[in-house]
Amino acid sequence: MRLSGDRETINISGLGDASLKIALSIQISHIFEKFYLNVGIYTRALRRSGASG
């Protein structure tokens, strides 16, 4: 029982920060991905309408 408890504390203290950083970086990358996708759609729509830029 104590061994599993120790493993849990190691998990929480050791890997908790790392997994949180990974989750945050994944979230941020998804936000940027959506942003660039929307910008691409917007610029394509502008090109179709004949506007420069």
PDB file of N, CA and C in Angstrom:
ATOM      1  N   MET A   1       0.834  -1.206   0.000  1.00  0.00           N
ATOM      2  CA  MET A   1       0.000   0.000   0.000  1.00  0.00           C
ATOM      3  C   MET A   1       0.875   1.266   0.000  1.00  0.00           C
ATOM      4  N   ARG A   2       1.933   1.219   0.813  1.00  0.00           N
ATOM      5  CA  ARG A   2       2.790   2.397   0.909  1.00  0.00           C
ATOM      6  C   ARG A   2       3.571   2.619  -0.395  1.00  0.00           C
ATOM      7  N   LEU A   3       3.926   1.523  -1.034  1.00  0.00           N
ATOM      8  CA  LEU A   3       4.659   1.608  -2.299  1.00  0.00           C
ATOM      9  C   LEU A   3       3.821   2.302  -3.374  1.00  0.00           C
ATOM     10  N   SER A   4       2.554   1.882  -3.472  1.00  0.00           N
ATOM     11  CA  SER A   4       1.671   2.492  -4.466  1.00  0.00           C
ATOM     12  C   SER A   4       1.430   3.968  -4.131  1.00  0.00           C
ATOM     13  N   GLY A   5       1.352   4.266  -2.829  1.00  0.00           N
ATOM     14  CA  GLY A   5       1.198   5.653  -2.396  1.00  0.00           C
ATOM     15  C   GLY A   5       2.396   6.489  -2.787  1.00  0.00           C
ATOM     16  N   ASP A   6       3.596   5.914  -2.595  1.00  0.00           N
ATOM     17  CA  ASP A   6       4.822   6.614  -2.981  1.00  0.00           C
ATOM     18  C   ASP A   6       4.861   6.846  -4.488  1.00  0.00           C
ATOM     19  N   ARG A   7       4.447   5.858  -5.233  1.00  0.00           N
ATOM     20  CA  ARG A   7       4.433   5.998  -6.694  1.00  0.00           C
ATOM     21  C   ARG A   7       3.473   7.107  -7.123  1.00  0.00           C
ATOM     22  N   GLU A   8       2.344   7.188  -6.448  1.00  0.00           N
ATOM     23  CA  GLU A   8       1.374   8.234  -6.775  1.00  0.00           C
ATOM     24  C   GLU A   8       1.947   9.622  -6.514  1.00  0.00           C
ATOM     25  N   THR A   9       2.649   9.763  -5.366  1.00  0.00           N
ATOM     26  CA  THR A   9       3.231  11.075  -5.050  1.00  0.00           C
ATOM     27  C   THR A   9       4.329  11.432  -6.045  1.00  0.00           C
ATOM     28  N   ILE A  10       5.116  10.433  -6.456  1.00  0.00           N
ATOM     29  CA  ILE A  10       6.150  10.654  -7.477  1.00  0.00           C
ATOM     30  C   ILE A  10       5.478  11.074  -8.784  1.00  0.00           C
ATOM     31  N   ASN A  11       4.391  10.393  -9.122  1.00  0.00           N
ATOM     32  CA  ASN A  11       3.626  10.722 -10.324  1.00  0.00           C
ATOM     33  C   ASN A  11       3.141  12.165 -10.288  1.00  0.00           C
ATOM     34  N   ILE A  12       2.547  12.548  -9.155  1.00  0.00           N
ATOM     35  CA  ILE A  12       1.949  13.879  -9.028  1.00  0.00           C
ATOM     36  C   ILE A  12       3.030  14.962  -9.039  1.00  0.00           C
ATOM     37  N   SER A  13       4.116  14.747  -8.263  1.00  0.00           N
ATOM     38  CA  SER A  13       5.144  15.782  -8.148  1.00  0.00           C
ATOM     39  C   SER A  13       6.086  15.785  -9.344  1.00  0.00           C
ATOM     40  N   GLY A  14       6.439  14.592  -9.836  1.00  0.00           N
ATOM     41  CA  GLY A  14       7.425  14.492 -10.907  1.00  0.00           C
ATOM     42  C   GLY A  14       6.833  14.690 -12.286  1.00  0.00           C
ATOM     43  N   LEU A  15       5.782  13.953 -12.596  1.00  0.00           N
ATOM     44  CA  LEU A  15       5.206  13.972 -13.937  1.00  0.00           C
ATOM     45  C   LEU A  15       4.052  14.959 -14.066  1.00  0.00           C
ATOM     46  N   GLY A  16       3.526  15.420 -12.949  1.00  0.00           N
ATOM     47  CA  GLY A  16       2.393  16.340 -12.980  1.00  0.00           C
ATOM     48  C   GLY A  16       2.706  17.609 -13.743  1.00  0.00           C
ATOM     49  N   ASP A  17       3.854  18.220 -13.417  1.00  0.00           N
ATOM     50  CA  ASP A  17       4.255  19.460 -14.078  1.00  0.00           C
ATOM     51  C   ASP A  17       4.517  19.233 -15.558  1.00  0.00           C
ATOM     52  N   ALA A  18       5.197  18.129 -15.861  1.00  0.00           N
ATOM     53  CA  ALA A  18       5.537  17.834 -17.254  1.00  0.00           C
ATOM     54  C   ALA A  18       4.281  17.605 -18.089  1.00  0.00           C
ATOM     55  N   SER A  19       3.355  16.815 -17.551  1.00  0.00           N
ATOM     56  CA  SER A  19       2.128  16.514 -18.297  1.00  0.00           C
ATOM     57  C   SER A  19       1.271  17.767 -18.457  1.00  0.00           C
ATOM     58  N   LEU A  20       1.310  18.645 -17.443  1.00  0.00           N
ATOM     59  CA  LEU A  20       0.575  19.910 -17.524  1.00  0.00           C
ATOM     60  C   LEU A  20       1.160  20.784 -18.626  1.00  0.00           C
ATOM     61  N   LYS A  21       2.496  20.844 -18.688  1.00  0.00           N
ATOM     62  CA  LYS A  21       3.168  21.627 -19.729  1.00  0.00           C
ATOM     63  C   LYS A  21       2.861  21.065 -21.111  1.00  0.00           C
ATOM     64  N   ILE A  22       2.858  19.733 -21.217  1.00  0.00           N
ATOM     65  CA  ILE A  22       2.556  19.074 -22.493  1.00  0.00           C
ATOM     66  C   ILE A  22       1.122  19.394 -22.913  1.00  0.00           C
ATOM     67  N   ALA A  23       0.184  19.285 -21.955  1.00  0.00           N
ATOM     68  CA  ALA A  23      -1.222  19.571 -22.244  1.00  0.00           C
ATOM     69  C   ALA A  23      -1.400  21.023 -22.676  1.00  0.00           C
ATOM     70  N   LEU A  24      -0.705  21.939 -21.997  1.00  0.00           N
ATOM     71  CA  LEU A  24      -0.785  23.356 -22.344  1.00  0.00           C
ATOM     72  C   LEU A  24      -0.217  23.615 -23.731  1.00  0.00           C
ATOM     73  N   SER A  25       0.923  22.999 -24.034  1.00  0.00           N
ATOM     74  CA  SER A  25       1.548  23.211 -25.345  1.00  0.00           C
ATOM     75  C   SER A  25       0.681  22.646 -26.461  1.00  0.00           C
ATOM     76  N   ILE A  26       0.009  21.512 -26.191  1.00  0.00           N
ATOM     77  CA  ILE A  26      -0.912  20.923 -27.176  1.00  0.00           C
ATOM     78  C   ILE A  26      -2.088  21.873 -27.407  1.00  0.00           C
ATOM     79  N   GLN A  27      -2.644  22.409 -26.301  1.00  0.00           N
ATOM     80  CA  GLN A  27      -3.753  23.355 -26.415  1.00  0.00           C
ATOM     81  C   GLN A  27      -3.350  24.582 -27.218  1.00  0.00           C
ATOM     82  N   ILE A  28      -2.178  25.134 -26.909  1.00  0.00           N
ATOM     83  CA  ILE A  28      -1.684  26.333 -27.592  1.00  0.00           C
ATOM     84  C   ILE A  28      -1.478  26.053 -29.072  1.00  0.00           C
ATOM     85  N   SER A  29      -0.904  24.888 -29.385  1.00  0.00           N
ATOM     86  CA  SER A  29      -0.665  24.542 -30.789  1.00  0.00           C
ATOM     87  C   SER A  29      -1.982  24.384 -31.544  1.00  0.00           C
ATOM     88  N   HIS A  30      -3.009  23.849 -30.875  1.00  0.00           N
ATOM     89  CA  HIS A  30      -4.324  23.719 -31.507  1.00  0.00           C
ATOM     90  C   HIS A  30      -4.937  25.091 -31.765  1.00  0.00           C
ATOM     91  N   ILE A  31      -4.763  26.015 -30.822  1.00  0.00           N
ATOM     92  CA  ILE A  31      -5.287  27.375 -30.984  1.00  0.00           C
ATOM     93  C   ILE A  31      -4.627  28.045 -32.190  1.00  0.00           C
ATOM     94  N   PHE A  32      -3.287  27.920 -32.288  1.00  0.00           N
ATOM     95  CA  PHE A  32      -2.560  28.517 -33.408  1.00  0.00           C
ATOM     96  C   PHE A  32      -2.936  27.855 -34.725  1.00  0.00           C
ATOM     97  N   GLU A  33      -3.139  26.532 -34.674  1.00  0.00           N
ATOM     98  CA  GLU A  33      -3.533  25.787 -35.869  1.00  0.00           C
ATOM     99  C   GLU A  33      -4.861  26.319 -36.405  1.00  0.00           C
ATOM    100  N   LYS A  34      -5.839  26.495 -35.505  1.00  0.00           N
ATOM    101  CA  LYS A  34      -7.147  27.026 -35.898  1.00  0.00           C
ATOM    102  C   LYS A  34      -7.013  28.449 -36.418  1.00  0.00           C
ATOM    103  N   PHE A  35      -6.164  29.243 -35.749  1.00  0.00           N
ATOM    104  CA  PHE A  35      -5.955  30.633 -36.151  1.00  0.00           C
ATOM    105  C   PHE A  35      -5.394  30.708 -37.561  1.00  0.00           C
ATOM    106  N   TYR A  36      -4.336  29.942 -37.842  1.00  0.00           N
ATOM    107  CA  TYR A  36      -3.718  29.963 -39.165  1.00  0.00           C
ATOM    108  C   TYR A  36      -4.657  29.401 -40.223  1.00  0.00           C
ATOM    109  N   LEU A  37      -5.453  28.399 -39.850  1.00  0.00           N
ATOM    110  CA  LEU A  37      -6.442  27.838 -40.768  1.00  0.00           C
ATOM    111  C   LEU A  37      -7.463  28.906 -41.148  1.00  0.00           C
ATOM    112  N   ASN A  38      -7.951  29.649 -40.150  1.00  0.00           N
ATOM    113  CA  ASN A  38      -8.919  30.716 -40.399  1.00  0.00           C
ATOM    114  C   ASN A  38      -8.316  31.824 -41.240  1.00  0.00           C
ATOM    115  N   VAL A  39      -7.056  32.167 -40.979  1.00  0.00           N
ATOM    116  CA  VAL A  39      -6.366  33.194 -41.761  1.00  0.00           C
ATOM    117  C   VAL A  39      -6.237  32.738 -43.213  1.00  0.00           C
ATOM    118  N   GLY A  40      -5.916  31.462 -43.414  1.00  0.00           N
ATOM    119  CA  GLY A  40      -5.807  30.905 -44.763  1.00  0.00           C
ATOM    120  C   GLY A  40      -7.121  30.958 -45.511  1.00  0.00           C
ATOM    121  N   ILE A  41      -8.204  30.620 -44.837  1.00  0.00           N
ATOM    122  CA  ILE A  41      -9.541  30.669 -45.445  1.00  0.00           C
ATOM    123  C   ILE A  41      -9.895  32.120 -45.793  1.00  0.00           C
ATOM    124  N   TYR A  42      -9.568  33.040 -44.880  1.00  0.00           N
ATOM    125  CA  TYR A  42      -9.864  34.460 -45.071  1.00  0.00           C
ATOM    126  C   TYR A  42      -9.091  35.028 -46.254  1.00  0.00           C
ATOM    127  N   THR A  43      -7.791  34.701 -46.353  1.00  0.00           N
ATOM    128  CA  THR A  43      -6.976  35.217 -47.456  1.00  0.00           C
ATOM    129  C   THR A  43      -7.422  34.626 -48.788  1.00  0.00           C
ATOM    130  N   ARG A  44      -7.842  33.371 -48.778  1.00  0.00           N
ATOM    131  CA  ARG A  44      -8.349  32.753 -50.006  1.00  0.00           C
ATOM    132  C   ARG A  44      -9.641  33.435 -50.453  1.00  0.00           C
ATOM    133  N   ALA A  45     -10.497  33.753 -49.495  1.00  0.00           N
ATOM    134  CA  ALA A  45     -11.750  34.443 -49.801  1.00  0.00           C
ATOM    135  C   ALA A  45     -11.467  35.836 -50.363  1.00  0.00           C
ATOM    136  N   LEU A  46     -10.449  36.507 -49.813  1.00  0.00           N
ATOM    137  CA  LEU A  46     -10.062  37.829 -50.315  1.00  0.00           C
ATOM    138  C   LEU A  46      -9.544  37.737 -51.741  1.00  0.00           C
ATOM    139  N   ARG A  47      -8.738  36.725 -52.014  1.00  0.00           N
ATOM    140  CA  ARG A  47      -8.190  36.545 -53.364  1.00  0.00           C
ATOM    141  C   ARG A  47      -9.298  36.272 -54.372  1.00  0.00           C
ATOM    142  N   ARG A  48     -10.274  35.486 -53.960  1.00  0.00           N
ATOM    143  CA  ARG A  48     -11.405  35.178 -54.847  1.00  0.00           C
ATOM    144  C   ARG A  48     -12.214  36.428 -55.167  1.00  0.00           C
ATOM    145  N   SER A  49     -12.367  37.299 -54.165  1.00  0.00           N
ATOM    146  CA  SER A  49     -13.157  38.510 -54.370  1.00  0.00           C
ATOM    147  C   SER A  49     -12.382  39.562 -55.164  1.00  0.00           C
ATOM    148  N   GLY A  50     -11.080  39.339 -55.352  1.00  0.00           N
ATOM    149  CA  GLY A  50     -10.284  40.236 -56.178  1.00  0.00           C
ATOM    150  C   GLY A  50      -9.502  41.273 -55.394  1.00  0.00           C
ATOM    151  N   ALA A  51      -9.591  41.236 -54.072  1.00  0.00           N
ATOM    152  CA  ALA A  51      -8.842  42.179 -53.240  1.00  0.00           C
ATOM    153  C   ALA A  51      -7.385  41.741 -53.151  1.00  0.00           C
ATOM    154  N   SER A  52      -6.484  42.700 -53.105  1.00  0.00           N
ATOM    155  CA  SER A  52      -5.055  42.372 -53.011  1.00  0.00           C
ATOM    156  C   SER A  52      -4.660  42.185 -51.548  1.00  0.00           C
ATOM    157  N   GLY A  53      -3.630  41.364 -51.315  1.00  0.00           N
ATOM    158  CA  GLY A  53      -3.170  41.189 -49.956  1.00  0.00           C
ATOM    159  C   GLY A  53      -3.292  39.790 -49.515  1.00  0.00           C
TER     160      GLY A  53
END
